[in-house]
Amino acid sequence: MPCCPPITAGELSPTDAEKTAAVFKAPSDPVRLRLFSRIASHPGGEACVCDIFDVGVSRPTVSHHLKKLREAVLLTSGRRGTGVYYQVAPSVVAAMSAMLDLRG
């Protein structure tokens, strides 16, 4: 999320507020948060969709949620063979954390 300054840097512009809201909105869904957590905690820092799909919803719904996380740039993905592997985008997560760091 290199788009947005820390919240303590001053009032967000309307554009920065829109971009930031989109990034924070993506993991606010419980299914998305579970998928994100499974990927983040998976050995090696990446997970095949075949390893994480069992979160209580249909596979098409899992695909929808993974797409939302990718669109928010919280995840990256790549195809290997027949599997799609997902990784957390560490720079985005670090930027989200830095933005909310109220210590200034």
C-alpha atoms as a PDB file:
ATOM      1  CA  MET A   1       0.000   0.000   0.000  1.00  0.00           C
ATOM      2  CA  PRO A   2       2.629   2.535  -0.983  1.00  0.00           C
ATOM      3  CA  CYS A   3      -0.226   4.870  -1.869  1.00  0.00           C
ATOM      4  CA  CYS A   4      -1.018   6.155   1.537  1.00  0.00           C
ATOM      5  CA  PRO A   5       0.804   8.064   4.267  1.00  0.00           C
ATOM      6  CA  PRO A   6       0.569   7.191   7.972  1.00  0.00           C
ATOM      7  CA  ILE A   7      -2.646   8.379   9.576  1.00  0.00           C
ATOM      8  CA  THR A   8      -0.619  10.684  11.840  1.00  0.00           C
ATOM      9  CA  ALA A   9       0.994  12.470   8.868  1.00  0.00           C
ATOM     10  CA  GLY A  10      -2.077  14.635   8.372  1.00  0.00           C
ATOM     11  CA  GLU A  11      -5.572  14.446   7.003  1.00  0.00           C
ATOM     12  CA  LEU A  12      -5.975  11.903   4.199  1.00  0.00           C
ATOM     13  CA  SER A  13      -6.888  13.228   0.802  1.00  0.00           C
ATOM     14  CA  PRO A  14     -10.113  11.874  -0.688  1.00  0.00           C
ATOM     15  CA  THR A  15      -8.070   9.729  -3.095  1.00  0.00           C
ATOM     16  CA  ASP A  16      -5.852   8.303  -0.338  1.00  0.00           C
ATOM     17  CA  ALA A  17      -8.921   7.632   1.794  1.00  0.00           C
ATOM     18  CA  GLU A  18     -10.555   5.671  -1.052  1.00  0.00           C
ATOM     19  CA  LYS A  19      -7.418   3.605  -1.691  1.00  0.00           C
ATOM     20  CA  THR A  20      -6.863   2.949   1.987  1.00  0.00           C
ATOM     21  CA  ALA A  21     -10.480   1.977   2.599  1.00  0.00           C
ATOM     22  CA  ALA A  22     -10.317  -0.569  -0.220  1.00  0.00           C
ATOM     23  CA  VAL A  23      -7.227  -2.196   1.281  1.00  0.00           C
ATOM     24  CA  PHE A  24      -8.721  -2.378   4.775  1.00  0.00           C
ATOM     25  CA  LYS A  25     -12.139  -3.480   3.533  1.00  0.00           C
ATOM     26  CA  ALA A  26     -10.816  -6.621   1.833  1.00  0.00           C
ATOM     27  CA  PRO A  27      -9.810  -8.492   5.008  1.00  0.00           C
ATOM     28  CA  SER A  28     -12.868  -7.315   6.963  1.00  0.00           C
ATOM     29  CA  ASP A  29     -14.916 -10.309   5.806  1.00  0.00           C
ATOM     30  CA  PRO A  30     -14.548 -13.315   8.165  1.00  0.00           C
ATOM     31  CA  VAL A  31     -13.979 -15.789   5.307  1.00  0.00           C
ATOM     32  CA  ARG A  32     -11.350 -13.528   3.740  1.00  0.00           C
ATOM     33  CA  LEU A  33      -9.649 -13.067   7.079  1.00  0.00           C
ATOM     34  CA  ARG A  34      -9.531 -16.853   7.588  1.00  0.00           C
ATOM     35  CA  LEU A  35      -8.099 -17.385   4.100  1.00  0.00           C
ATOM     36  CA  PHE A  36      -5.546 -14.627   4.645  1.00  0.00           C
ATOM     37  CA  SER A  37      -4.569 -16.148   7.991  1.00  0.00           C
ATOM     38  CA  ARG A  38      -4.204 -19.613   6.486  1.00  0.00           C
ATOM     39  CA  ILE A  39      -1.918 -18.294   3.778  1.00  0.00           C
ATOM     40  CA  ALA A  40       0.113 -16.120   6.159  1.00  0.00           C
ATOM     41  CA  SER A  41       0.641 -18.986   8.606  1.00  0.00           C
ATOM     42  CA  HIS A  42       1.245 -21.708   6.023  1.00  0.00           C
ATOM     43  CA  PRO A  43       4.754 -23.236   6.064  1.00  0.00           C
ATOM     44  CA  GLY A  44       7.006 -21.490   3.576  1.00  0.00           C
ATOM     45  CA  GLY A  45       4.790 -18.403   3.440  1.00  0.00           C
ATOM     46  CA  GLU A  46       2.678 -19.612   0.546  1.00  0.00           C
ATOM     47  CA  ALA A  47      -0.245 -21.962   0.114  1.00  0.00           C
ATOM     48  CA  CYS A  48      -1.890 -23.769  -2.749  1.00  0.00           C
ATOM     49  CA  VAL A  49      -5.585 -23.072  -3.051  1.00  0.00           C
ATOM     50  CA  CYS A  50      -6.077 -26.829  -2.656  1.00  0.00           C
ATOM     51  CA  ASP A  51      -4.636 -26.533   0.892  1.00  0.00           C
ATOM     52  CA  ILE A  52      -6.818 -23.661   2.089  1.00  0.00           C
ATOM     53  CA  PHE A  53     -10.232 -23.984   0.418  1.00  0.00           C
ATOM     54  CA  ASP A  54     -11.979 -25.667   3.366  1.00  0.00           C
ATOM     55  CA  VAL A  55     -13.315 -22.613   5.201  1.00  0.00           C
ATOM     56  CA  GLY A  56     -16.997 -23.537   5.219  1.00  0.00           C
ATOM     57  CA  VAL A  57     -18.024 -22.043   1.897  1.00  0.00           C
ATOM     58  CA  SER A  58     -18.132 -23.341  -1.675  1.00  0.00           C
ATOM     59  CA  ARG A  59     -15.040 -23.345  -3.873  1.00  0.00           C
ATOM     60  CA  PRO A  60     -16.459 -20.623  -6.158  1.00  0.00           C
ATOM     61  CA  THR A  61     -16.990 -18.470  -3.059  1.00  0.00           C
ATOM     62  CA  VAL A  62     -13.395 -19.124  -1.954  1.00  0.00           C
ATOM     63  CA  SER A  63     -12.235 -18.036  -5.415  1.00  0.00           C
ATOM     64  CA  HIS A  64     -14.313 -14.862  -5.120  1.00  0.00           C
ATOM     65  CA  HIS A  65     -12.777 -14.008  -1.745  1.00  0.00           C
ATOM     66  CA  LEU A  66      -9.235 -14.739  -2.928  1.00  0.00           C
ATOM     67  CA  LYS A  67      -9.858 -12.463  -5.905  1.00  0.00           C
ATOM     68  CA  LYS A  68     -10.921  -9.648  -3.554  1.00  0.00           C
ATOM     69  CA  LEU A  69      -7.741 -10.101  -1.507  1.00  0.00           C
ATOM     70  CA  ARG A  70      -5.643 -10.031  -4.701  1.00  0.00           C
ATOM     71  CA  GLU A  71      -7.440  -6.914  -5.967  1.00  0.00           C
ATOM     72  CA  ALA A  72      -6.609  -5.191  -2.679  1.00  0.00           C
ATOM     73  CA  VAL A  73      -2.994  -6.269  -3.292  1.00  0.00           C
ATOM     74  CA  LEU A  74      -2.906  -8.147   0.016  1.00  0.00           C
ATOM     75  CA  LEU A  75      -2.059 -11.370  -1.806  1.00  0.00           C
ATOM     76  CA  THR A  76      -0.007 -12.307  -4.815  1.00  0.00           C
ATOM     77  CA  SER A  77      -0.507 -15.524  -6.733  1.00  0.00           C
ATOM     78  CA  GLY A  78       1.119 -17.692  -9.322  1.00  0.00           C
ATOM     79  CA  ARG A  79       0.223 -20.870 -11.155  1.00  0.00           C
ATOM     80  CA  ARG A  80       2.445 -23.932 -10.893  1.00  0.00           C
ATOM     81  CA  GLY A  81       1.221 -26.944 -12.768  1.00  0.00           C
ATOM     82  CA  THR A  82      -2.466 -27.273 -12.019  1.00  0.00           C
ATOM     83  CA  GLY A  83      -2.306 -25.397  -8.702  1.00  0.00           C
ATOM     84  CA  VAL A  84      -2.518 -21.721  -7.881  1.00  0.00           C
ATOM     85  CA  TYR A  85      -0.246 -20.654  -5.036  1.00  0.00           C
ATOM     86  CA  TYR A  86      -0.909 -17.566  -2.903  1.00  0.00           C
ATOM     87  CA  GLN A  87       1.491 -15.456  -0.865  1.00  0.00           C
ATOM     88  CA  VAL A  88       0.884 -12.548   1.481  1.00  0.00           C
ATOM     89  CA  ALA A  89       2.265  -9.294   0.093  1.00  0.00           C
ATOM     90  CA  PRO A  90       4.501  -8.340   3.050  1.00  0.00           C
ATOM     91  CA  SER A  91       5.099  -4.772   1.913  1.00  0.00           C
ATOM     92  CA  VAL A  92       1.369  -4.083   1.860  1.00  0.00           C
ATOM     93  CA  VAL A  93       0.821  -5.577   5.308  1.00  0.00           C
ATOM     94  CA  ALA A  94       3.770  -3.579   6.660  1.00  0.00           C
ATOM     95  CA  ALA A  95       2.359  -0.399   5.117  1.00  0.00           C
ATOM     96  CA  MET A  96      -1.052  -1.089   6.690  1.00  0.00           C
ATOM     97  CA  SER A  97       0.629  -1.518  10.062  1.00  0.00           C
ATOM     98  CA  ALA A  98       2.719   1.622   9.627  1.00  0.00           C
ATOM     99  CA  MET A  99      -0.316   3.623   8.622  1.00  0.00           C
ATOM    100  CA  LEU A 100      -2.042   2.742  11.885  1.00  0.00           C
ATOM    101  CA  ASP A 101       1.030   3.237  14.063  1.00  0.00           C
ATOM    102  CA  LEU A 102      -0.089   6.092  16.280  1.00  0.00           C
ATOM    103  CA  ARG A 103       3.305   6.469  17.912  1.00  0.00           C
ATOM    104  CA  GLY A 104       4.146   8.770  15.006  1.00  0.00           C
END
